[in-house]
Protein backbone atom coordinates (compact mmCIF):
# COMPACT_ATOMS: atom_id res chain seq x y z
CA MET A 1 23.49 -17.49 2.32
CA GLY A 2 26.50 -15.21 1.99
CA THR A 3 27.29 -12.08 3.95
CA PHE A 4 27.61 -9.75 0.94
CA HIS A 5 25.57 -6.56 1.51
CA GLN A 6 24.11 -7.97 4.74
CA ASP A 7 24.46 -4.55 6.40
CA ARG A 8 22.07 -2.85 3.93
CA GLY A 9 18.83 -4.18 5.44
CA GLU A 10 16.56 -7.17 5.01
CA TYR A 11 14.97 -5.87 1.79
CA HIS A 12 18.23 -5.07 -0.04
CA GLY A 13 17.83 -5.77 -3.77
CA ILE A 14 14.12 -6.61 -3.51
CA THR A 15 11.30 -4.66 -5.19
CA ILE A 16 9.06 -3.44 -2.40
CA VAL A 17 5.89 -1.42 -1.86
CA VAL A 18 6.33 1.39 0.65
CA ASP A 19 3.06 2.90 1.88
CA THR A 20 3.25 6.22 3.71
CA ASN A 21 1.11 8.13 6.15
CA GLY A 22 0.58 10.69 3.38
CA PRO A 23 -1.02 10.34 -0.05
CA GLN A 24 2.01 8.64 -1.66
CA VAL A 25 2.93 5.03 -2.16
CA TYR A 26 6.31 4.08 -3.64
CA ILE A 27 7.35 0.92 -5.45
CA GLY A 28 11.04 0.40 -6.07
CA ARG A 29 14.10 -1.72 -5.49
CA CYS A 30 15.41 -1.33 -1.96
CA HIS A 31 19.05 -0.30 -1.95
CA GLU A 32 19.67 0.31 1.72
CA GLU A 33 17.98 1.02 5.01
CA ASP A 34 19.13 2.71 8.18
CA ASP A 35 17.49 4.12 11.31
CA ARG A 36 16.37 7.28 9.51
CA ALA A 37 15.37 6.32 5.96
CA LEU A 38 14.89 3.74 3.26
CA LEU A 39 16.68 4.34 -0.06
CA LEU A 40 14.83 3.07 -3.14
CA LEU A 41 16.09 2.81 -6.72
CA ASP A 42 14.07 2.81 -9.97
CA VAL A 43 10.93 4.04 -8.23
CA ALA A 44 7.30 4.35 -9.31
CA VAL A 45 5.39 6.99 -7.35
CA HIS A 46 1.62 7.18 -6.96
CA SER A 47 -0.53 9.70 -5.09
CA GLU A 48 -3.93 8.66 -3.77
CA GLY A 49 -6.60 9.49 -6.35
CA HIS A 50 -4.22 10.22 -9.25
CA ASP A 51 -5.74 8.90 -12.49
CA GLY A 52 -8.76 7.85 -10.42
CA GLN A 53 -6.79 5.12 -8.62
CA THR A 54 -6.40 4.52 -4.93
CA LYS A 55 -2.97 3.59 -3.65
CA GLU A 56 -4.05 -0.05 -3.32
CA GLN A 57 -5.42 -0.15 -6.88
CA PHE A 58 -2.07 1.16 -8.11
CA VAL A 59 -0.25 -1.54 -6.13
CA GLN A 60 -2.52 -4.27 -7.54
CA GLN A 61 -1.89 -3.03 -11.08
CA ALA A 62 1.86 -3.00 -10.45
CA ALA A 63 1.70 -6.57 -9.14
CA ARG A 64 0.00 -7.68 -12.37
CA ARG A 65 1.86 -5.57 -14.94
CA GLY A 66 5.05 -4.31 -13.32
CA ILE A 67 6.07 -0.71 -12.75
CA TRP A 68 7.21 2.20 -14.87
CA LYS A 69 10.19 3.94 -13.28
CA GLN A 70 9.60 7.63 -12.61
CA VAL A 71 12.48 8.40 -10.25
CA ASP A 72 16.05 7.02 -10.21
CA ARG A 73 16.63 7.33 -6.43
CA LEU A 74 14.32 8.23 -3.58
CA SER A 75 14.89 8.39 0.15
CA VAL A 76 11.77 7.79 2.25
CA PRO A 77 12.00 8.93 5.89
CA LYS A 78 11.16 6.13 8.34
CA SER A 79 8.79 8.52 10.13
CA GLU A 80 6.53 8.54 7.04
CA ILE A 81 6.46 4.76 6.44
CA VAL A 82 3.27 2.92 7.42
CA SER A 83 4.08 -0.45 5.82
CA ILE A 84 6.57 -2.28 3.63
CA ARG A 85 5.61 -5.28 1.48
CA ARG A 86 7.43 -7.25 -1.18
CA LEU A 87 5.81 -6.59 -4.56
CA GLY A 88 6.14 -10.30 -5.32
CA ASP A 89 3.93 -11.13 -2.31
CA ILE A 90 0.99 -9.05 -3.60
CA PRO A 91 -1.77 -11.32 -4.98
CA LYS A 92 -2.33 -10.82 -8.70
CA GLU A 93 -6.12 -10.54 -8.53
C-alpha cells in the first residue's frame, strides 16, 4: 500500500456512517480527520424520527439503496461522534 494521503486518517476516501450523540447521523465520504473533527464530503444527513425513520433505519436503507447527497462538505466535531462505521460493512437486511 502506498503512502499517498496517509496523513488524512484511516477512513480517507471511504463512505462512512457517523453517528452522533445528538439526533443526527451522517453518511458521507471521509476526506480527512484530525484531533478536533472529521471532514465529510457528499453527505446525507438524517435526524432521528424524520420521515418516521430512526437513525438505524436510515442507515439500513442507505446500505441497500445508496445515499442522496444533501451537503457538499460537513465537519463533524469529534466531541459529538459516538461511532464510525464503513457503509459497506452494514448488512443489507
